[in-house]
Protein backbone atom coordinates (compact mmCIF):
# COMPACT_ATOMS: atom_id res chain seq x y z
CA MET A 1 -0.23 0.01 -0.04
CA ASN A 2 1.33 3.09 -1.19
CA PRO A 3 0.65 6.17 1.20
CA ARG A 4 1.89 8.69 -1.74
CA ILE A 5 -0.72 7.18 -4.21
CA ILE A 6 -3.59 7.63 -1.86
CA MET A 7 -2.71 11.11 -1.44
CA GLU A 8 -2.67 11.60 -4.97
CA GLU A 9 -6.04 10.53 -5.67
CA ALA A 10 -7.35 12.13 -2.60
CA ALA A 11 -6.41 15.31 -3.95
CA SER A 12 -7.68 14.67 -7.43
CA ILE A 13 -11.16 14.10 -6.00
CA LYS A 14 -10.72 16.85 -3.48
CA ALA A 15 -13.28 19.18 -5.43
CA ASP A 16 -15.65 16.79 -5.58
CA ILE A 17 -15.51 16.40 -1.97
CA ILE A 18 -16.14 20.15 -1.45
CA LYS A 19 -18.81 19.59 -3.51
CA ALA A 20 -20.67 16.89 -1.59
CA ARG A 21 -19.78 18.34 2.02
CA GLN A 22 -21.04 22.23 0.75
CA HIS A 23 -24.62 19.98 -0.84
CA ILE A 24 -24.81 18.22 2.87
CA HIS A 25 -24.02 21.80 4.61
CA SER A 26 -26.71 23.93 2.98
CA HIS A 27 -29.47 20.95 3.41
CA ALA A 28 -28.35 20.20 7.51
CA GLU A 29 -31.11 17.91 9.12
CA THR A 30 -30.88 16.85 12.54
CA ARG A 31 -31.70 13.77 14.63
CA PHE A 32 -32.97 10.73 12.71
CA GLU A 33 -34.79 13.25 10.41
CA LEU A 34 -32.05 12.93 7.62
CA ASP A 35 -34.49 12.17 5.00
CA HIS A 36 -32.69 14.39 2.02
CA THR A 37 -29.19 13.83 3.52
CA LEU A 38 -29.29 9.96 3.40
CA ALA A 39 -31.10 9.98 -0.13
CA TYR A 40 -27.80 11.92 -1.06
CA VAL A 41 -25.45 9.62 0.79
CA LYS A 42 -26.93 6.41 -0.79
CA ALA A 43 -27.42 7.60 -3.79
CA ALA A 44 -23.38 8.71 -4.30
CA LEU A 45 -22.13 5.25 -3.35
CA GLU A 46 -24.46 3.61 -5.61
CA ALA A 47 -22.86 5.91 -7.90
CA MET A 48 -19.73 4.42 -6.74
CA GLY A 49 -20.74 0.67 -7.20
CA TYR A 50 -21.71 -0.10 -3.81
CA GLU A 51 -24.80 -1.89 -2.56
CA PRO A 52 -25.88 0.59 0.49
CA GLN A 53 -28.55 -0.95 2.93
CA LEU A 54 -30.46 0.69 5.54
CA CYS A 55 -29.29 0.13 9.19
CA GLY A 56 -31.84 1.46 11.96
CA ARG A 57 -33.94 4.44 11.63
CA ALA A 58 -31.75 6.30 9.59
CA GLY A 59 -28.22 4.60 9.35
CA LEU A 60 -26.73 3.19 6.17
CA VAL A 61 -23.82 0.61 5.73
CA ALA A 62 -21.59 -0.18 2.62
CA ILE A 63 -18.87 -2.68 2.39
CA ALA A 64 -15.70 -2.25 0.72
CA GLY A 65 -13.55 -5.39 -0.20
CA GLY A 66 -14.49 -8.44 1.16
CA LYS A 67 -12.47 -10.28 -1.94
CA LYS A 68 -9.95 -11.53 0.07
CA PRO A 69 -10.43 -13.58 3.57
CA GLY A 70 -9.41 -11.19 6.62
CA LYS A 71 -10.75 -9.03 9.56
CA THR A 72 -13.56 -6.58 8.90
CA PHE A 73 -11.93 -2.77 9.83
CA MET A 74 -14.86 -0.22 10.35
CA LEU A 75 -14.98 3.44 9.28
CA ARG A 76 -17.45 5.70 10.78
CA ALA A 77 -18.95 9.06 9.74
CA ASP A 78 -21.69 10.97 11.42
CA MET A 79 -24.39 12.88 9.41
CA ASP A 80 -26.60 14.64 11.58
CA ALA A 81 -26.66 18.75 11.95
CA LEU A 82 -27.96 20.71 15.18
CA PRO A 83 -31.04 22.90 15.69
CA ILE A 84 -29.11 26.05 15.55
CA THR A 85 -29.24 29.27 12.90
CA GLU A 86 -26.53 29.24 10.83
CA GLN A 87 -24.69 33.39 11.10
CA ALA A 88 -21.54 31.60 9.55
CA ASP A 89 -20.67 33.64 6.23
CA VAL A 90 -20.38 30.94 3.56
CA ASP A 91 -22.08 31.01 0.61
CA PHE A 92 -23.28 27.70 0.90
CA ALA A 93 -24.91 28.75 4.37
CA SER A 94 -28.03 26.71 5.78
CA THR A 95 -31.12 28.74 5.68
CA ASN A 96 -33.48 26.01 7.31
CA GLY A 97 -32.97 26.67 10.64
CA ASN A 98 -30.64 23.63 11.57
CA MET A 99 -26.57 23.99 10.76
CA HIS A 100 -23.86 21.77 10.61
CA ALA A 101 -22.32 23.22 13.19
CA CYS A 102 -20.06 20.51 14.46
CA GLY A 103 -18.67 19.28 11.20
CA HIS A 104 -20.69 16.34 10.49
CA ASP A 105 -21.17 17.55 6.93
CA MET A 106 -17.28 17.02 6.90
CA HIS A 107 -17.41 13.67 8.04
CA THR A 108 -19.96 12.56 5.68
CA ALA A 109 -17.92 14.19 2.77
CA MET A 110 -14.74 12.55 3.58
CA LEU A 111 -16.19 9.05 3.98
CA LEU A 112 -17.53 9.54 0.84
CA GLY A 113 -14.23 10.29 -0.84
CA ALA A 114 -12.71 7.42 0.91
CA ALA A 115 -15.28 5.07 -0.31
CA ARG A 116 -14.10 6.02 -3.69
CA ILE A 117 -10.67 5.46 -3.00
CA LEU A 118 -11.58 2.10 -1.75
CA LYS A 119 -13.55 1.22 -4.69
CA GLU A 120 -10.36 1.92 -6.82
CA HIS A 121 -8.14 -0.63 -4.51
CA GLU A 122 -10.85 -2.82 -3.93
CA ASP A 123 -8.73 -5.86 -5.39
CA GLU A 124 -6.20 -5.12 -2.71
CA ILE A 125 -7.94 -5.03 0.28
CA ASN A 126 -6.92 -7.67 2.86
CA GLY A 127 -10.51 -8.28 4.23
CA THR A 128 -13.61 -5.88 4.70
CA ILE A 129 -14.12 -2.32 5.35
CA LYS A 130 -16.99 -1.33 6.99
CA LEU A 131 -18.13 1.90 6.00
CA MET A 132 -20.87 3.45 8.60
CA PHE A 133 -23.07 6.68 8.12
CA GLN A 134 -24.63 7.36 11.64
CA PRO A 135 -27.87 9.62 12.31
CA ALA A 136 -28.89 11.45 15.45
CA GLU A 137 -24.78 11.28 16.62
CA GLU A 138 -25.80 14.80 18.62
CA ILE A 139 -28.64 13.28 20.44
CA PHE A 140 -26.58 10.46 21.54
CA GLU A 141 -28.82 7.51 20.30
CA GLY A 142 -27.50 6.80 16.38
CA SER A 143 -24.85 4.73 17.38
CA GLU A 144 -26.42 2.59 19.48
CA ASP A 145 -29.75 2.22 17.46
CA MET A 146 -27.72 1.33 14.84
CA ILE A 147 -25.79 -1.53 16.85
CA GLU A 148 -29.17 -2.65 18.05
CA ASN A 149 -29.84 -3.49 14.49
CA GLY A 150 -27.02 -5.27 13.17
CA LEU A 151 -24.25 -3.21 12.84
CA LEU A 152 -21.52 -4.87 13.98
CA GLU A 153 -22.32 -8.24 12.71
CA ASN A 154 -22.46 -9.38 9.00
CA PRO A 155 -19.47 -9.16 8.50
CA SER A 156 -18.21 -9.12 12.50
CA VAL A 157 -16.64 -5.53 13.70
CA ASP A 158 -12.98 -6.19 14.41
CA ALA A 159 -11.89 -2.58 15.23
CA ALA A 160 -13.23 0.46 14.55
CA LEU A 161 -12.10 4.62 13.64
CA MET A 162 -13.73 7.94 13.95
CA ILE A 163 -12.68 11.23 13.10
CA HIS A 164 -14.26 14.53 13.89
CA VAL A 165 -12.81 18.23 12.68
CA MET A 166 -11.48 20.66 15.10
CA ALA A 167 -11.99 24.51 13.80
CA GLY A 168 -9.76 27.12 15.55
CA MET A 169 -6.89 24.62 16.69
CA PRO A 170 -3.53 26.40 15.76
CA LEU A 171 -2.63 23.81 13.72
CA GLU A 172 -2.29 23.52 10.00
CA PRO A 173 -5.60 21.89 7.88
CA GLY A 174 -5.61 18.15 7.62
CA THR A 175 -2.96 17.45 11.08
CA VAL A 176 -4.08 14.60 12.48
CA ILE A 177 -4.17 14.26 16.60
CA VAL A 178 -3.97 10.55 17.44
CA SER A 179 -5.89 9.61 20.89
CA ALA A 180 -3.69 8.24 23.55
CA PRO A 181 -4.58 5.01 24.79
CA GLY A 182 -7.75 4.96 27.53
CA VAL A 183 -10.62 7.17 27.88
CA SER A 184 -10.82 10.54 25.35
CA ALA A 185 -14.63 11.49 25.72
CA PRO A 186 -16.73 11.27 28.86
CA ALA A 187 -19.94 9.47 29.49
CA ALA A 188 -23.09 11.81 29.18
CA ASP A 189 -26.26 11.55 30.94
CA TYR A 190 -29.08 13.96 30.73
CA PHE A 191 -31.62 13.67 32.84
CA GLU A 192 -35.40 15.32 34.46
CA ILE A 193 -35.90 15.65 38.18
CA LYS A 194 -39.82 16.44 38.54
CA VAL A 195 -40.69 17.66 42.47
CA GLN A 196 -44.47 17.06 43.00
CA GLY A 197 -46.04 19.45 45.63
CA LYS A 198 -49.44 20.42 46.29
CA GLY A 199 -50.42 24.01 44.99
CA CYS A 200 -51.92 26.27 46.65
CA HIS A 201 -52.51 30.49 47.23
CA GLY A 202 -49.22 32.25 48.06
CA SER A 203 -51.01 33.68 51.13
CA SER A 204 -51.54 29.97 52.79
CA PRO A 205 -48.22 28.04 52.29
CA ASN A 206 -49.62 26.06 55.72
CA LEU A 207 -52.22 24.52 52.77
CA GLY A 208 -49.97 23.41 50.37
CA ILE A 209 -46.69 21.79 49.82
CA ASP A 210 -44.13 24.10 48.54
CA PRO A 211 -41.89 21.91 45.33
CA LEU A 212 -39.90 25.16 45.06
CA ASN A 213 -39.22 25.52 48.48
CA ALA A 214 -37.80 21.47 48.10
CA ALA A 215 -36.54 22.39 44.59
CA ALA A 216 -34.07 24.86 45.92
CA HIS A 217 -32.42 22.99 48.62
CA LEU A 218 -32.19 20.02 45.77
CA LEU A 219 -30.06 22.06 43.49
CA ILE A 220 -27.89 22.89 46.20
CA ASN A 221 -27.40 19.01 47.80
CA LEU A 222 -26.75 18.04 44.50
CA GLN A 223 -23.53 20.01 44.30
CA GLU A 224 -22.38 17.84 47.52
CA ILE A 225 -21.83 15.25 45.54
CA HIS A 226 -19.11 16.46 44.11
CA ALA A 227 -17.99 18.50 47.36
CA ARG A 228 -18.23 15.79 49.56
CA GLU A 229 -18.60 12.08 48.08
CA LEU A 230 -16.10 12.17 45.25
CA ALA A 231 -12.22 11.46 45.21
CA LEU A 232 -9.80 13.72 44.63
CA GLY A 233 -9.51 11.74 41.16
CA ASP A 234 -12.84 11.11 39.99
CA ASN A 235 -13.71 13.98 37.64
CA ALA A 236 -17.14 14.78 36.94
CA VAL A 237 -19.36 17.56 36.25
CA LEU A 238 -22.83 17.55 37.47
CA THR A 239 -25.00 20.48 35.86
CA ILE A 240 -28.60 21.66 36.70
CA GLY A 241 -29.39 23.61 33.56
CA THR A 242 -33.39 24.01 33.75
CA MET A 243 -36.11 24.78 36.32
CA HIS A 244 -39.36 25.30 35.36
CA ALA A 245 -42.59 26.27 37.90
CA GLY A 246 -45.39 28.15 38.43
CA THR A 247 -47.26 30.99 36.32
CA ALA A 248 -48.16 33.66 39.45
CA ALA A 249 -46.24 35.55 41.65
CA ASN A 250 -48.61 34.88 44.45
CA ALA A 251 -49.42 31.15 43.65
CA ILE A 252 -47.19 28.19 45.02
CA PRO A 253 -47.03 25.78 41.97
CA ASP A 254 -48.05 22.12 41.90
CA GLU A 255 -44.69 20.63 40.17
CA VAL A 256 -40.96 21.47 39.54
CA VAL A 257 -39.54 20.42 36.64
CA MET A 258 -35.61 20.56 36.81
CA GLY A 259 -33.16 19.32 34.18
CA GLY A 260 -29.56 18.63 34.19
CA SER A 261 -26.76 16.85 32.90
CA LEU A 262 -24.01 14.78 33.99
CA ARG A 263 -20.42 13.96 32.39
CA THR A 264 -17.52 11.83 33.80
CA TYR A 265 -14.67 10.04 32.78
CA ASP A 266 -15.05 6.74 34.62
CA GLU A 267 -18.26 4.31 34.64
CA GLU A 268 -17.97 3.20 38.12
CA THR A 269 -18.47 6.82 39.30
CA ARG A 270 -20.93 7.80 36.73
CA ALA A 271 -23.61 4.55 38.26
CA PHE A 272 -22.22 5.96 41.41
CA ILE A 273 -23.35 9.75 41.09
CA LYS A 274 -26.56 8.45 39.00
CA ARG A 275 -27.63 6.38 42.28
CA ARG A 276 -27.09 9.34 44.35
CA ILE A 277 -28.87 11.64 42.39
CA GLU A 278 -31.77 9.16 42.93
CA GLU A 279 -31.37 9.37 46.57
CA ILE A 280 -30.53 12.48 47.10
CA ALA A 281 -33.92 13.55 44.84
CA ASP A 282 -35.88 11.59 46.96
CA GLY A 283 -34.80 12.46 50.36
CA THR A 284 -34.99 16.13 49.90
CA ALA A 285 -38.24 16.08 48.61
CA LYS A 286 -39.33 14.05 51.31
CA THR A 287 -37.75 16.42 53.92
CA PHE A 288 -40.04 19.05 52.77
CA ARG A 289 -43.39 16.77 52.47
CA ALA A 290 -42.84 16.79 48.39
CA GLU A 291 -41.86 13.54 46.27
CA ALA A 292 -39.45 13.58 43.68
CA GLU A 293 -38.82 11.42 40.41
CA VAL A 294 -35.72 11.41 38.72
CA ASN A 295 -35.85 10.14 34.78
CA TRP A 296 -32.84 9.63 32.58
CA GLY A 297 -32.93 10.46 29.16
CA SER A 298 -30.70 10.18 26.12
CA GLY A 299 -26.77 9.54 27.30
CA CYS A 300 -23.70 7.92 26.39
CA PRO A 301 -20.84 5.89 27.86
CA THR A 302 -17.06 6.73 27.71
CA LEU A 303 -15.36 6.73 24.92
CA VAL A 304 -12.32 4.13 25.25
CA ASN A 305 -9.50 4.12 22.67
CA ASP A 306 -7.58 0.93 22.07
CA PRO A 307 -3.99 1.01 23.04
CA GLU A 308 -2.71 -0.97 20.25
CA LEU A 309 -5.07 0.94 17.67
CA SER A 310 -3.72 3.96 18.93
CA ALA A 311 -0.14 3.07 18.43
CA ALA A 312 -0.80 1.93 15.04
CA ALA A 313 -2.77 4.44 13.34
CA HIS A 314 -0.28 7.10 15.22
CA ARG A 315 2.54 4.81 13.01
CA TYR A 316 -0.23 4.65 9.88
CA VAL A 317 -0.96 8.66 9.87
CA GLN A 318 2.77 9.54 9.99
CA GLU A 319 3.43 6.79 6.59
CA LEU A 320 0.84 8.92 4.97
CA LEU A 321 1.29 12.44 6.13
CA GLY A 322 5.04 12.65 7.74
CA PRO A 323 5.48 13.25 11.46
CA GLY A 324 4.85 16.81 11.10
CA LYS A 325 1.07 16.43 10.24
CA ALA A 326 0.49 13.38 12.81
CA LEU A 327 0.74 14.34 16.08
CA SER A 328 -0.24 12.72 19.49
CA VAL A 329 -1.30 13.88 22.46
CA ALA A 330 2.15 14.12 24.03
CA GLN A 331 3.36 15.79 21.28
CA LEU A 332 0.73 19.08 22.04
CA GLY A 333 1.97 19.10 25.72
CA ALA A 334 -1.13 17.30 26.85
CA GLY A 335 0.76 14.92 28.53
CA GLY A 336 -0.22 11.08 28.16
CA GLY A 337 -4.01 12.07 28.21
CA SER A 338 -6.47 13.33 25.78
CA LYS A 339 -9.39 13.47 27.50
CA SER A 340 -12.08 16.15 26.06
CA ALA A 341 -15.14 17.70 27.88
CA GLY A 342 -17.01 16.72 24.92
CA SER A 343 -19.23 13.47 24.57
CA GLU A 344 -19.26 11.51 21.53
CA ASP A 345 -21.69 8.57 21.19
CA PHE A 346 -19.25 6.73 19.43
CA ALA A 347 -18.46 5.66 22.83
CA TYR A 348 -21.13 2.63 22.67
CA ILE A 349 -18.77 1.03 19.96
CA SER A 350 -15.57 1.34 21.36
CA GLN A 351 -17.27 -0.10 24.40
CA GLN A 352 -17.77 -3.67 22.31
CA VAL A 353 -14.86 -3.76 19.70
CA PRO A 354 -10.98 -1.89 20.03
CA SER A 355 -11.60 1.62 18.71
CA ILE A 356 -9.72 4.64 18.00
CA MET A 357 -10.89 8.78 17.69
CA LEU A 358 -8.82 11.22 15.50
CA ALA A 359 -9.09 14.84 15.96
CA LEU A 360 -8.73 16.43 12.46
CA ALA A 361 -7.67 19.99 12.23
CA ALA A 362 -10.17 22.42 10.32
CA GLY A 363 -9.44 25.81 10.93
CA HIS A 364 -6.53 27.70 11.88
CA PRO A 365 -7.25 30.95 14.17
CA ASP A 366 -5.04 33.09 12.01
CA LYS A 367 -6.85 32.12 9.02
CA GLY A 368 -10.35 33.47 10.52
CA TYR A 369 -11.56 30.06 11.86
CA ILE A 370 -12.19 31.47 15.57
CA TYR A 371 -15.47 30.40 16.72
CA PRO A 372 -15.51 26.45 18.19
CA GLY A 373 -17.75 23.75 17.21
CA HIS A 374 -21.80 24.39 17.94
CA HIS A 375 -21.20 27.90 17.66
CA PRO A 376 -23.71 29.97 14.78
CA MET A 377 -20.37 31.36 13.50
CA VAL A 378 -17.95 28.19 13.11
CA LYS A 379 -16.43 27.57 9.55
CA PHE A 380 -14.21 24.89 9.25
CA ASP A 381 -11.65 24.89 6.03
CA ASN A 382 -12.27 22.50 3.03
CA ASP A 383 -8.66 22.13 2.76
CA ALA A 384 -8.42 19.52 5.62
CA LEU A 385 -11.45 17.32 3.46
CA ASP A 386 -9.05 15.23 0.74
CA ILE A 387 -6.98 14.02 3.44
CA GLY A 388 -9.46 13.30 5.97
CA SER A 389 -10.87 11.13 2.80
CA ALA A 390 -6.83 9.61 2.99
CA VAL A 391 -6.64 9.13 6.44
CA TYR A 392 -9.81 7.04 6.39
CA ALA A 393 -8.93 4.80 3.37
CA TYR A 394 -5.34 4.23 4.28
CA THR A 395 -5.66 3.50 7.98
CA ALA A 396 -8.32 1.00 7.09
CA MET A 397 -6.20 -0.68 4.50
CA ARG A 398 -2.82 -0.32 6.29
CA TRP A 399 -4.57 -2.13 9.67
CA LEU A 400 -5.94 -5.22 7.45
CA GLU A 401 -2.63 -5.24 5.72
CA GLU A 402 -0.82 -6.12 8.81
CA GLN A 403 -3.12 -8.56 10.50
């Protein structure tokens, strides 16, 4: 496998990758409602000679290779946008109230580019490469939905890779940062707490049960988990972001609804805090004669990077791009860890098969790419696209070659 050839082929289709990215960007769709995006990706794959198959509610899977015996390596791209009104100064901006503010349009276009490269080298693939186009990453539901619908079977997946573009990084576009072994993205859990009281006139609090009073104490009591129940190294963030109750200043409401989120880097810590949230909610509410119910919403586990795959991916990307554009987390001055604050539902895959997450620089601040992901004015540099396609294709083929 000649890395120079892969890079040249990726560069030769760069204009097409950019065109795909801009089309997907201008038709941004969210969650599982990806009708236009799904149809576009499916048609593009079929035009290359693939036979893509639907997987789950809005996922798509295609197979490259399979002509030679060997293992199966999976490449993942997410397709969904965010419900953000775009303010970025680009001539292909979305106008439907949704925005690809996290770069998933880049991921999808890059994997389509990789699919073209892999099709050209299909006879050389030592095993099988599974292409995964995923919905609903932003709500942490798409990956799990595809797994439940057979994603990791037929053929059985042996290893997996994802790439995430990053804007505002002081690195040349196309520079790759390979995650260190271990956890690189925290588990995420969203929850709602309903505090049930008994509404009454504000002048007669003795005739009711004030859920706002209970909720106020609960808000403070939950912070004691971090302050007094976690060890020094048990990193976690517990946030109550919403609290809704009442419509009149002179009335005690019947109910308070609190909304929150939890981020943890360790599954045991995650389980402990979730249990304590339920216990503290129940106990606090009862102290003030109210009742509390905790309802857990969407979430995802920790994303774990496989040590062997991390080392191999770093080596492959160095072969492809050279040492200056293939960096480890340690080379960036982050020590041996690569933990980010943002969660990622590729974590579901990493919990089942050896996996690796790569970050791809796609927007240098000195060139005007100053806004971070999820910002309504964020922009991503198209110059990273062909490099991302090459990294996808070459990493998968090299891993299979060595197995």
